[in-house]
Each structure stands twice: as structure tokens, then as C-alpha cells.
């Protein structure tokens, strides 16, 4: 089945069913900008259930993003991969990805507006319990999910996987209503120790309910099999950290959605 699923994704099929998991490509808007998200859910479940907003890394919605959404659907959640960059804006290399990410990192209001549009689209789903929603994000997406929390969004939790922890407006930490789980590569060169310390201090001062897990030997992008296997480059896949962080997320969801 998994081989068939991978083949269908490679062929660009956007509407198909495997067992009871259904996926859909969804167009929606933020202002006048057309966005293209990815929805995954188990249609064998009739009751409403928690929704998970998935925020992509700097490459935009990729097969890796879709795979995570399907994994969440297999766990019984409704997963919606939000599109921050816009329909058709899919970087093809690291230079283009860096330019796209910089646009939103430099304009946090726009970043919040785009991720909030994704959140509202998820809330519209007939399968979702709007009182039980969390957001997860990878790298750039982790930064974006945390920015959603700082906007004061009424969501239950946020999980950041190797996301950036910088805060242009640290005073906004007081707006956080969600519980926070940070899954961090202890040797990530993109997030200096001072940034980690400042981030944690801001959460303490704001009395946020937070957890911070650092995985020894893990660097940036430790959940992405396409990141290579050479930690000396600062970007590499780490199977143990990937597995452990996913399990930590599952336990976190079990707590916030109980």
C-alpha cells in the first residue's frame, strides 16, 4: 500500500483513497492571494475529531509535508498542510527557498496572516472539532507555527520540529494561549545557544506551558530523510531523533486533546 501511495504522489494525483485515508488538494485564499493546501483524513471515522495544521519547511508543500499529513490522518486526526508561499510558488533549490523564507521572516505580519488563513481553512472542515486544534511545523514551518501561537490564536498546542526560535517581537510571547513543545537538534548550528536561552526565558516570563526537548547529535532538518547523513554540514537526517520527536508529539497530543 505504501508503495502505491508513493507512486500516486509522484504522479501528482491529488484525490485518491488508500484504505480509509483520503487526501485532497484544497484552494483557498489569504486576501487576494490564492493558496493551495493539502488535506488528509480518515473517512471511516464519522465523528468530528482534532485537527492538526501542518506548516511546511522552506521548500513549500512537498511530498515530505504530505507524508506527514497522511501519517497524522492515520492516527485519527484531520491534517491540513497550509500553504504559506502561495499557489505555484514552490522553490526548486535552496537559493529560491531562502528567498521565499526570508520574505516571511522579514514580515511577521504577513507570515501570521498566511498561517492564520490555513488555520481558518482547517476549522471549516466538517470533520474537525474546532475546539481541538494544534499546529506543527518543520524548520521554517516551526518558526511559523510559533508565530501563530504568538498571534494569540485560540489553539490547543504547537509543536516545532527543528524550527527557528528568533523573536522579532518578544513581547508577543504574552499572547500565547497554546501549550508548546519544541523538538530541537542539540547541535543545530542555525539556532545558537543564546537564542535558545532567550526563547526559553521569554516563555518563562510569560508563564507559558512549554516543553523543550533537545536531541543529542541532531542538527538541523533531523526529521527529513532528504537532508543527507553528514551532520558536519549542519543539516542531516537523524532517524533516532525523528522517531523520538514524533513519539513526543503523539504523547503531547494525547495530553492536550484528552
Protein backbone atom coordinates (compact mmCIF):
# COMPACT_ATOMS: atom_id res chain seq x y z
CA UNK A 1 0.00 0.00 0.00
CA UNK A 2 2.75 2.45 0.93
CA UNK A 3 4.46 1.80 -2.42
CA UNK A 4 1.19 2.55 -4.25
CA UNK A 5 0.75 5.74 -2.22
CA UNK A 6 4.26 6.91 -3.10
CA UNK A 7 3.63 6.19 -6.78
CA UNK A 8 0.39 8.15 -6.75
CA UNK A 9 2.08 11.15 -5.16
CA UNK A 10 4.89 11.02 -7.71
CA UNK A 11 2.27 11.04 -10.47
CA UNK A 12 0.70 14.15 -8.97
CA UNK A 13 -2.62 12.54 -8.09
CA UNK A 14 -4.35 14.87 -5.63
CA UNK A 15 -7.56 12.96 -4.94
CA UNK A 16 -7.34 9.29 -4.10
CA UNK A 17 -8.15 6.83 -1.38
CA UNK A 18 -5.93 4.28 0.30
CA UNK A 19 -7.77 2.11 2.78
CA UNK A 20 -9.84 4.77 4.55
CA UNK A 21 -7.40 7.67 4.16
CA UNK A 22 -8.50 10.36 1.75
CA UNK A 23 -6.44 13.30 0.54
CA UNK A 24 -7.44 16.45 -1.30
CA UNK A 25 -5.70 19.45 -2.78
CA UNK A 26 -7.58 22.50 -1.48
CA UNK A 27 -7.52 26.00 -2.93
CA UNK A 28 -8.23 28.84 -0.53
CA UNK A 29 -7.27 32.49 -0.17
CA UNK A 30 -5.50 34.97 2.08
CA UNK A 31 -6.72 38.32 0.85
CA UNK A 32 -6.33 38.21 -2.93
CA UNK A 33 -3.60 35.57 -2.86
CA UNK A 34 -4.58 32.07 -3.93
CA UNK A 35 -3.11 29.35 -1.73
CA UNK A 36 -3.03 25.61 -2.29
CA UNK A 37 -3.12 23.35 0.75
CA UNK A 38 -3.28 19.60 1.26
CA UNK A 39 -5.95 17.88 3.36
CA UNK A 40 -5.75 14.32 4.74
CA UNK A 41 -8.32 12.48 6.84
CA UNK A 42 -9.75 9.03 7.58
CA UNK A 43 -13.23 8.87 6.07
CA UNK A 44 -14.02 5.74 8.07
CA UNK A 45 -14.34 7.94 11.16
CA UNK A 46 -17.77 9.57 11.35
CA UNK A 47 -17.27 11.70 14.46
CA UNK A 48 -15.59 15.08 14.48
CA UNK A 49 -12.00 14.90 15.70
CA UNK A 50 -8.99 17.11 16.48
CA UNK A 51 -7.43 18.96 13.58
CA UNK A 52 -3.70 19.41 13.01
CA UNK A 53 -2.35 22.30 10.96
CA UNK A 54 0.93 21.26 9.29
CA UNK A 55 3.32 24.03 8.21
CA UNK A 56 5.93 23.19 5.58
CA UNK A 57 9.66 23.88 5.58
CA UNK A 58 11.34 26.41 3.29
CA UNK A 59 10.76 24.21 0.21
CA UNK A 60 6.99 24.71 0.45
CA UNK A 61 4.45 21.88 0.47
CA UNK A 62 6.47 18.87 -0.62
CA UNK A 63 5.99 15.12 -0.69
CA UNK A 64 7.55 15.07 2.77
CA UNK A 65 4.90 17.53 4.02
CA UNK A 66 2.13 15.42 2.50
CA UNK A 67 3.58 12.24 4.02
CA UNK A 68 3.40 13.79 7.49
CA UNK A 69 -0.20 14.87 6.91
CA UNK A 70 -1.13 11.32 5.91
CA UNK A 71 0.65 9.91 8.98
CA UNK A 72 -1.46 12.21 11.15
CA UNK A 73 -4.62 11.13 9.34
CA UNK A 74 -3.69 7.52 10.02
CA UNK A 75 -3.58 8.43 13.71
CA UNK A 76 -7.18 9.63 13.50
CA UNK A 77 -6.63 13.38 13.10
CA UNK A 78 -7.68 15.68 10.28
CA UNK A 79 -4.45 17.15 8.93
CA UNK A 80 -4.25 20.23 6.74
CA UNK A 81 -0.94 21.34 5.26
CA UNK A 82 -1.13 25.11 4.99
CA UNK A 83 0.44 26.89 2.04
CA UNK A 84 2.44 29.92 3.21
CA UNK A 85 4.11 30.78 -0.11
CA UNK A 86 1.08 30.73 -2.42
CA UNK A 87 -0.14 28.55 -5.28
CA UNK A 88 2.63 27.83 -7.75
CA UNK A 89 5.32 29.33 -5.51
CA UNK A 90 7.35 26.17 -4.97
CA UNK A 91 11.11 26.65 -4.62
CA UNK A 92 13.22 24.30 -6.73
CA UNK A 93 16.55 24.89 -4.96
CA UNK A 94 17.96 26.24 -1.71
CA UNK A 95 18.54 29.74 -3.14
CA UNK A 96 14.88 30.12 -4.10
CA UNK A 97 13.82 28.57 -0.79
CA UNK A 98 15.97 31.01 1.17
CA UNK A 99 14.47 33.95 -0.71
CA UNK A 100 10.92 32.77 -0.06
CA UNK A 101 11.55 32.10 3.64
CA UNK A 102 13.30 35.46 4.10
CA UNK A 103 10.25 37.26 2.72
CA UNK A 104 8.07 35.97 5.55
CA UNK A 105 10.69 36.01 8.28
CA UNK A 106 11.15 39.70 7.50
CA UNK A 107 7.41 40.36 7.56
CA UNK A 108 5.91 38.56 10.55
CA UNK A 109 2.51 40.19 9.98
CA UNK A 110 2.34 38.55 6.55
CA UNK A 111 3.59 35.26 7.99
CA UNK A 112 0.83 35.35 10.60
CA UNK A 113 -1.80 36.26 8.03
CA UNK A 114 -0.85 33.33 5.79
CA UNK A 115 -0.76 30.75 8.59
CA UNK A 116 -3.99 32.09 10.07
CA UNK A 117 -5.68 31.62 6.69
CA UNK A 118 -4.61 27.98 6.84
CA UNK A 119 -5.96 27.65 10.36
CA UNK A 120 -9.32 29.06 9.33
CA UNK A 121 -9.48 26.70 6.36
CA UNK A 122 -8.87 23.76 8.70
CA UNK A 123 -11.60 24.97 11.05
CA UNK A 124 -14.08 24.89 8.17
CA UNK A 125 -13.73 21.14 7.73
CA UNK A 126 -16.90 19.26 8.64
CA UNK A 127 -14.69 16.58 10.22
CA UNK A 128 -12.87 18.89 12.66
CA UNK A 129 -13.70 19.74 16.25
CA UNK A 130 -12.84 23.48 16.21
CA UNK A 131 -12.16 23.42 19.94
CA UNK A 132 -9.36 20.89 19.46
CA UNK A 133 -6.74 22.14 17.04
CA UNK A 134 -2.95 22.09 17.15
CA UNK A 135 -0.25 23.25 14.75
CA UNK A 136 3.05 21.61 13.88
CA UNK A 137 5.85 22.89 11.70
CA UNK A 138 9.22 21.92 10.31
CA UNK A 139 12.21 24.31 10.11
CA UNK A 140 10.64 27.47 8.59
CA UNK A 141 7.30 25.89 9.44
CA UNK A 142 8.28 25.57 13.10
CA UNK A 143 9.05 29.28 13.17
CA UNK A 144 5.70 29.97 11.52
CA UNK A 145 3.73 27.74 13.91
CA UNK A 146 5.31 29.55 16.86
CA UNK A 147 4.41 32.88 15.27
CA UNK A 148 0.81 31.66 15.05
CA UNK A 149 0.90 31.00 18.79
CA UNK A 150 2.36 34.46 19.46
CA UNK A 151 -0.51 35.99 17.49
CA UNK A 152 -2.84 34.79 20.25
CA UNK A 153 -4.50 32.11 18.12
CA UNK A 154 -7.05 30.05 20.03
CA UNK A 155 -5.45 26.65 19.55
CA UNK A 156 -4.57 23.86 21.96
CA UNK A 157 -0.92 23.33 21.17
CA UNK A 158 2.07 23.93 18.91
CA UNK A 159 4.92 21.57 18.06
CA UNK A 160 8.08 22.87 16.40
CA UNK A 161 10.49 20.40 14.80
CA UNK A 162 13.95 21.97 14.36
CA UNK A 163 12.34 25.37 13.88
CA UNK A 164 13.92 28.79 14.27
CA UNK A 165 13.40 30.36 17.70
CA UNK A 166 14.10 34.01 16.91
CA UNK A 167 11.53 36.55 18.08
CA UNK A 168 11.43 39.99 16.41
CA UNK A 169 8.64 40.92 18.83
CA UNK A 170 9.37 39.01 22.06
CA UNK A 171 6.66 40.92 23.92
CA UNK A 172 4.11 38.96 21.87
CA UNK A 173 5.02 35.84 23.85
CA UNK A 174 2.45 37.01 26.40
CA UNK A 175 -0.28 36.39 23.79
CA UNK A 176 0.37 32.63 23.69
CA UNK A 177 -2.63 30.55 24.73
CA UNK A 178 -1.39 27.21 23.39
CA UNK A 179 0.86 24.70 25.09
CA UNK A 180 4.24 24.49 23.39
CA UNK A 181 6.51 21.56 22.54
CA UNK A 182 9.90 22.25 20.98
CA UNK A 183 11.77 19.34 19.40
CA UNK A 184 15.27 20.67 18.83
CA UNK A 185 18.55 19.38 17.47
CA UNK A 186 21.05 19.93 20.28
CA UNK A 187 23.81 20.58 17.72
CA UNK A 188 21.77 22.69 15.30
CA UNK A 189 24.17 25.44 14.10
CA UNK A 190 21.27 27.54 12.81
CA UNK A 191 19.93 28.13 16.32
CA UNK A 192 22.69 29.45 18.60
CA UNK A 193 22.58 28.71 22.35
CA UNK A 194 21.88 32.37 23.13
CA UNK A 195 18.73 32.19 21.01
CA UNK A 196 17.61 29.05 22.83
CA UNK A 197 18.21 30.69 26.21
CA UNK A 198 16.37 33.87 25.23
CA UNK A 199 13.45 31.90 23.83
CA UNK A 200 13.09 29.84 26.99
CA UNK A 201 13.39 32.91 29.18
CA UNK A 202 10.58 34.65 27.29
CA UNK A 203 8.32 31.61 27.76
CA UNK A 204 9.10 31.56 31.49
CA UNK A 205 8.32 35.23 31.91
CA UNK A 206 5.03 34.83 30.03
CA UNK A 207 4.16 31.75 32.15
CA UNK A 208 3.56 29.63 29.05
CA UNK A 209 3.06 25.87 29.45
CA UNK A 210 6.09 24.64 27.50
CA UNK A 211 8.42 21.69 26.95
CA UNK A 212 11.81 21.75 25.27
CA UNK A 213 13.45 18.51 24.13
CA UNK A 214 16.99 18.65 22.73
CA UNK A 215 18.23 15.58 20.85
CA UNK A 216 21.95 14.92 21.23
CA UNK A 217 23.87 14.58 17.98
CA UNK A 218 20.99 16.01 15.94
CA UNK A 219 21.46 19.04 13.71
CA UNK A 220 19.05 20.99 11.51
CA UNK A 221 16.36 19.11 9.49
CA UNK A 222 16.79 15.94 11.55
CA UNK A 223 13.30 14.70 10.53
CA UNK A 224 13.92 14.93 6.77
CA UNK A 225 15.38 11.83 5.07
CA UNK A 226 16.33 14.04 2.10
CA UNK A 227 18.68 16.11 4.29
CA UNK A 228 21.57 13.68 3.89
CA UNK A 229 23.54 11.90 6.58
CA UNK A 230 26.51 14.18 7.25
CA UNK A 231 25.95 16.18 10.47
CA UNK A 232 29.15 18.14 9.85
CA UNK A 233 27.23 20.06 7.18
CA UNK A 234 24.81 21.31 9.83
CA UNK A 235 21.85 19.69 8.05
CA UNK A 236 21.27 15.94 8.28
CA UNK A 237 18.65 13.29 8.89
CA UNK A 238 18.75 11.56 12.28
CA UNK A 239 16.47 8.51 12.43
CA UNK A 240 16.53 8.29 16.23
CA UNK A 241 15.68 11.96 16.71
CA UNK A 242 12.97 11.70 14.04
CA UNK A 243 11.36 8.73 15.77
CA UNK A 244 11.71 10.13 19.28
CA UNK A 245 10.32 13.55 18.35
CA UNK A 246 7.31 12.00 16.61
CA UNK A 247 6.60 9.92 19.71
CA UNK A 248 6.95 13.04 21.87
CA UNK A 249 4.41 14.79 19.64
CA UNK A 250 1.98 11.88 19.96
CA UNK A 251 2.24 11.96 23.75
CA UNK A 252 1.79 15.75 23.70
CA UNK A 253 -1.37 15.43 21.59
CA UNK A 254 -2.69 12.76 23.93
CA UNK A 255 -2.33 15.24 26.77
CA UNK A 256 -3.78 18.36 25.14
CA UNK A 257 -6.69 16.55 23.47
CA UNK A 258 -7.70 14.26 26.34
